[in-house]
């Protein structure tokens, strides 16, 4: 029996860097929705996409940048 992987800790307002750039040339995205699917907004052009959590875990390139809480 395999041990389950921990759930990726992603929060609203986090910035993530993905392995492949968006067609506008930017790799950084803002997290706008959290759940089974993760909502992202491109920092370059503002395009919004939904990506499944396992796909996001596989495509992450660098650390998650957390915005300081107010």
N, C-alpha and C. Protein backbone atom coordinates (compact mmCIF):
# COMPACT_ATOMS: atom_id res chain seq x y z
N UNK A 1 0.84 -1.18 0.00
CA UNK A 1 0.00 0.00 0.00
C UNK A 1 0.89 1.24 0.00
N UNK A 2 0.56 2.19 -0.87
CA UNK A 2 1.35 3.42 -0.95
C UNK A 2 0.78 4.47 0.00
N UNK A 3 1.64 5.33 0.47
CA UNK A 3 1.18 6.40 1.35
C UNK A 3 0.66 7.55 0.50
N UNK A 4 -0.43 8.17 0.91
CA UNK A 4 -0.97 9.27 0.11
C UNK A 4 -0.06 10.49 0.15
N UNK A 5 -0.01 11.21 -0.96
CA UNK A 5 0.78 12.43 -1.02
C UNK A 5 0.04 13.55 -0.29
N UNK A 6 0.76 14.45 0.36
CA UNK A 6 0.09 15.58 1.00
C UNK A 6 -0.51 16.52 -0.05
N UNK A 7 -1.59 17.18 0.31
CA UNK A 7 -2.26 18.09 -0.60
C UNK A 7 -1.41 19.36 -0.73
N UNK A 8 -1.28 19.85 -1.95
CA UNK A 8 -0.52 21.07 -2.21
C UNK A 8 -1.19 22.24 -1.51
N UNK A 9 -0.44 22.98 -0.70
CA UNK A 9 -0.98 24.11 0.06
C UNK A 9 -0.96 25.37 -0.81
N UNK A 10 -2.08 25.62 -1.48
CA UNK A 10 -2.24 26.80 -2.33
C UNK A 10 -3.36 27.62 -1.74
N UNK A 11 -3.14 28.93 -1.65
CA UNK A 11 -4.15 29.84 -1.09
C UNK A 11 -4.46 30.96 -2.07
N UNK A 12 -5.61 31.59 -1.88
CA UNK A 12 -5.97 32.73 -2.71
C UNK A 12 -4.91 33.82 -2.59
N UNK A 13 -4.56 34.42 -3.69
CA UNK A 13 -3.58 35.50 -3.70
C UNK A 13 -2.14 35.04 -3.86
N UNK A 14 -1.89 33.73 -3.84
CA UNK A 14 -0.53 33.22 -4.04
C UNK A 14 -0.13 33.42 -5.50
N UNK A 15 1.16 33.52 -5.73
CA UNK A 15 1.69 33.57 -7.10
C UNK A 15 2.49 32.31 -7.35
N UNK A 16 2.21 31.67 -8.48
CA UNK A 16 2.90 30.44 -8.84
C UNK A 16 3.61 30.64 -10.17
N UNK A 17 4.72 29.91 -10.35
CA UNK A 17 5.47 29.92 -11.60
C UNK A 17 5.35 28.54 -12.22
N UNK A 18 4.93 28.48 -13.48
CA UNK A 18 4.74 27.22 -14.17
C UNK A 18 5.92 26.95 -15.11
N UNK A 19 6.06 25.69 -15.51
CA UNK A 19 7.20 25.28 -16.32
C UNK A 19 7.16 25.88 -17.72
N UNK A 20 6.01 25.92 -18.32
CA UNK A 20 5.91 26.45 -19.69
C UNK A 20 5.29 27.84 -19.66
N UNK A 21 5.81 28.76 -20.48
CA UNK A 21 5.24 30.11 -20.48
C UNK A 21 3.89 30.13 -21.20
N UNK A 22 3.06 31.09 -20.81
CA UNK A 22 1.81 31.37 -21.49
C UNK A 22 2.17 31.97 -22.85
N UNK A 23 1.30 31.91 -23.86
CA UNK A 23 1.63 32.49 -25.16
C UNK A 23 2.02 33.97 -25.11
N UNK A 24 1.61 34.70 -24.06
CA UNK A 24 2.00 36.11 -23.94
C UNK A 24 3.43 36.24 -23.43
N UNK A 25 4.05 35.13 -22.99
CA UNK A 25 5.44 35.15 -22.57
C UNK A 25 5.66 35.11 -21.06
N UNK A 26 4.60 35.19 -20.27
CA UNK A 26 4.74 35.22 -18.81
C UNK A 26 4.60 33.82 -18.23
N UNK A 27 5.38 33.53 -17.20
CA UNK A 27 5.30 32.24 -16.50
C UNK A 27 4.60 32.34 -15.16
N UNK A 28 4.36 33.54 -14.65
CA UNK A 28 3.77 33.70 -13.31
C UNK A 28 2.27 33.91 -13.40
N UNK A 29 1.59 33.30 -12.43
CA UNK A 29 0.13 33.31 -12.38
C UNK A 29 -0.33 33.63 -10.96
N UNK A 30 -1.48 34.27 -10.82
CA UNK A 30 -2.10 34.58 -9.55
C UNK A 30 -3.22 33.58 -9.29
N UNK A 31 -3.26 33.01 -8.08
CA UNK A 31 -4.31 32.04 -7.73
C UNK A 31 -5.58 32.81 -7.38
N UNK A 32 -6.67 32.53 -8.10
CA UNK A 32 -7.94 33.23 -7.89
C UNK A 32 -9.05 32.31 -7.38
N UNK A 33 -8.84 31.02 -7.40
CA UNK A 33 -9.84 30.06 -6.94
C UNK A 33 -9.12 28.82 -6.42
N UNK A 34 -9.63 28.28 -5.31
CA UNK A 34 -9.02 27.09 -4.71
C UNK A 34 -10.11 26.06 -4.49
N UNK A 35 -9.82 24.82 -4.87
CA UNK A 35 -10.75 23.71 -4.71
C UNK A 35 -10.14 22.51 -5.41
N UNK A 36 -11.00 21.66 -5.96
CA UNK A 36 -10.50 20.53 -6.74
C UNK A 36 -9.77 21.06 -7.98
N UNK A 37 -10.29 22.15 -8.55
CA UNK A 37 -9.63 22.86 -9.64
C UNK A 37 -9.07 24.15 -9.07
N UNK A 38 -7.95 24.60 -9.62
CA UNK A 38 -7.32 25.84 -9.19
C UNK A 38 -7.53 26.88 -10.27
N UNK A 39 -8.06 28.04 -9.90
CA UNK A 39 -8.23 29.14 -10.84
C UNK A 39 -6.98 29.99 -10.85
N UNK A 40 -6.49 30.29 -12.06
CA UNK A 40 -5.29 31.09 -12.21
C UNK A 40 -5.57 32.26 -13.14
N UNK A 41 -4.88 33.40 -12.88
CA UNK A 41 -4.95 34.55 -13.78
C UNK A 41 -3.53 34.91 -14.19
N UNK A 42 -3.29 35.01 -15.47
CA UNK A 42 -1.97 35.31 -16.01
C UNK A 42 -1.56 36.72 -15.60
N UNK A 43 -0.31 36.86 -15.12
CA UNK A 43 0.20 38.18 -14.73
C UNK A 43 0.48 39.07 -15.94
N UNK A 44 0.66 38.47 -17.10
CA UNK A 44 0.98 39.26 -18.29
C UNK A 44 -0.25 39.84 -18.97
N UNK A 45 -1.19 38.99 -19.32
CA UNK A 45 -2.34 39.44 -20.13
C UNK A 45 -3.67 39.38 -19.39
N UNK A 46 -3.71 38.76 -18.20
CA UNK A 46 -4.95 38.71 -17.44
C UNK A 46 -5.87 37.55 -17.79
N UNK A 47 -5.44 36.67 -18.67
CA UNK A 47 -6.25 35.51 -19.06
C UNK A 47 -6.52 34.63 -17.86
N UNK A 48 -7.74 34.11 -17.74
CA UNK A 48 -8.10 33.25 -16.62
C UNK A 48 -8.26 31.81 -17.11
N UNK A 49 -7.73 30.87 -16.32
CA UNK A 49 -7.85 29.45 -16.66
C UNK A 49 -8.15 28.67 -15.39
N UNK A 50 -8.74 27.49 -15.57
CA UNK A 50 -8.93 26.53 -14.48
C UNK A 50 -8.03 25.34 -14.79
N UNK A 51 -7.32 24.88 -13.78
CA UNK A 51 -6.42 23.75 -13.95
C UNK A 51 -6.65 22.78 -12.80
N UNK A 52 -6.69 21.50 -13.10
CA UNK A 52 -6.88 20.48 -12.06
C UNK A 52 -5.69 20.50 -11.11
N UNK A 53 -5.94 20.26 -9.84
CA UNK A 53 -4.89 20.30 -8.82
C UNK A 53 -3.71 19.38 -9.15
N UNK A 54 -3.93 18.12 -9.57
CA UNK A 54 -2.78 17.27 -9.92
C UNK A 54 -1.95 17.84 -11.08
N UNK A 55 -2.62 18.47 -12.06
CA UNK A 55 -1.90 19.07 -13.17
C UNK A 55 -1.05 20.24 -12.69
N UNK A 56 -1.59 21.05 -11.79
CA UNK A 56 -0.82 22.17 -11.25
C UNK A 56 0.40 21.67 -10.48
N UNK A 57 0.23 20.62 -9.68
CA UNK A 57 1.36 20.07 -8.92
C UNK A 57 2.47 19.60 -9.86
N UNK A 58 2.11 19.04 -11.00
CA UNK A 58 3.07 18.54 -11.96
C UNK A 58 3.75 19.67 -12.72
N UNK A 59 3.04 20.78 -12.95
CA UNK A 59 3.56 21.87 -13.77
C UNK A 59 4.27 22.97 -12.99
N UNK A 60 4.26 22.91 -11.67
CA UNK A 60 4.93 23.95 -10.88
C UNK A 60 6.42 23.95 -11.15
N UNK A 61 6.99 25.14 -11.27
CA UNK A 61 8.41 25.26 -11.56
C UNK A 61 9.19 25.68 -10.33
N UNK A 62 8.70 26.64 -9.61
CA UNK A 62 9.42 27.17 -8.47
C UNK A 62 8.54 27.19 -7.22
N UNK A 63 9.01 27.87 -6.19
CA UNK A 63 8.23 27.93 -4.96
C UNK A 63 6.99 28.79 -5.12
N UNK A 64 6.02 28.55 -4.27
CA UNK A 64 4.80 29.36 -4.25
C UNK A 64 5.10 30.61 -3.45
N UNK A 65 4.83 31.77 -4.05
CA UNK A 65 5.09 33.05 -3.39
C UNK A 65 3.80 33.48 -2.70
N UNK A 66 3.84 33.54 -1.40
CA UNK A 66 2.66 33.87 -0.60
C UNK A 66 2.66 35.36 -0.29
N UNK A 67 1.54 36.01 -0.57
CA UNK A 67 1.40 37.42 -0.25
C UNK A 67 1.24 37.57 1.26
N UNK A 68 1.85 38.59 1.87
CA UNK A 68 1.68 38.77 3.32
C UNK A 68 0.22 39.07 3.65
N UNK A 69 -0.27 38.44 4.71
CA UNK A 69 -1.67 38.65 5.09
C UNK A 69 -1.84 40.01 5.77
N UNK A 70 -2.99 40.58 5.55
CA UNK A 70 -3.27 41.94 6.07
C UNK A 70 -3.55 41.94 7.55
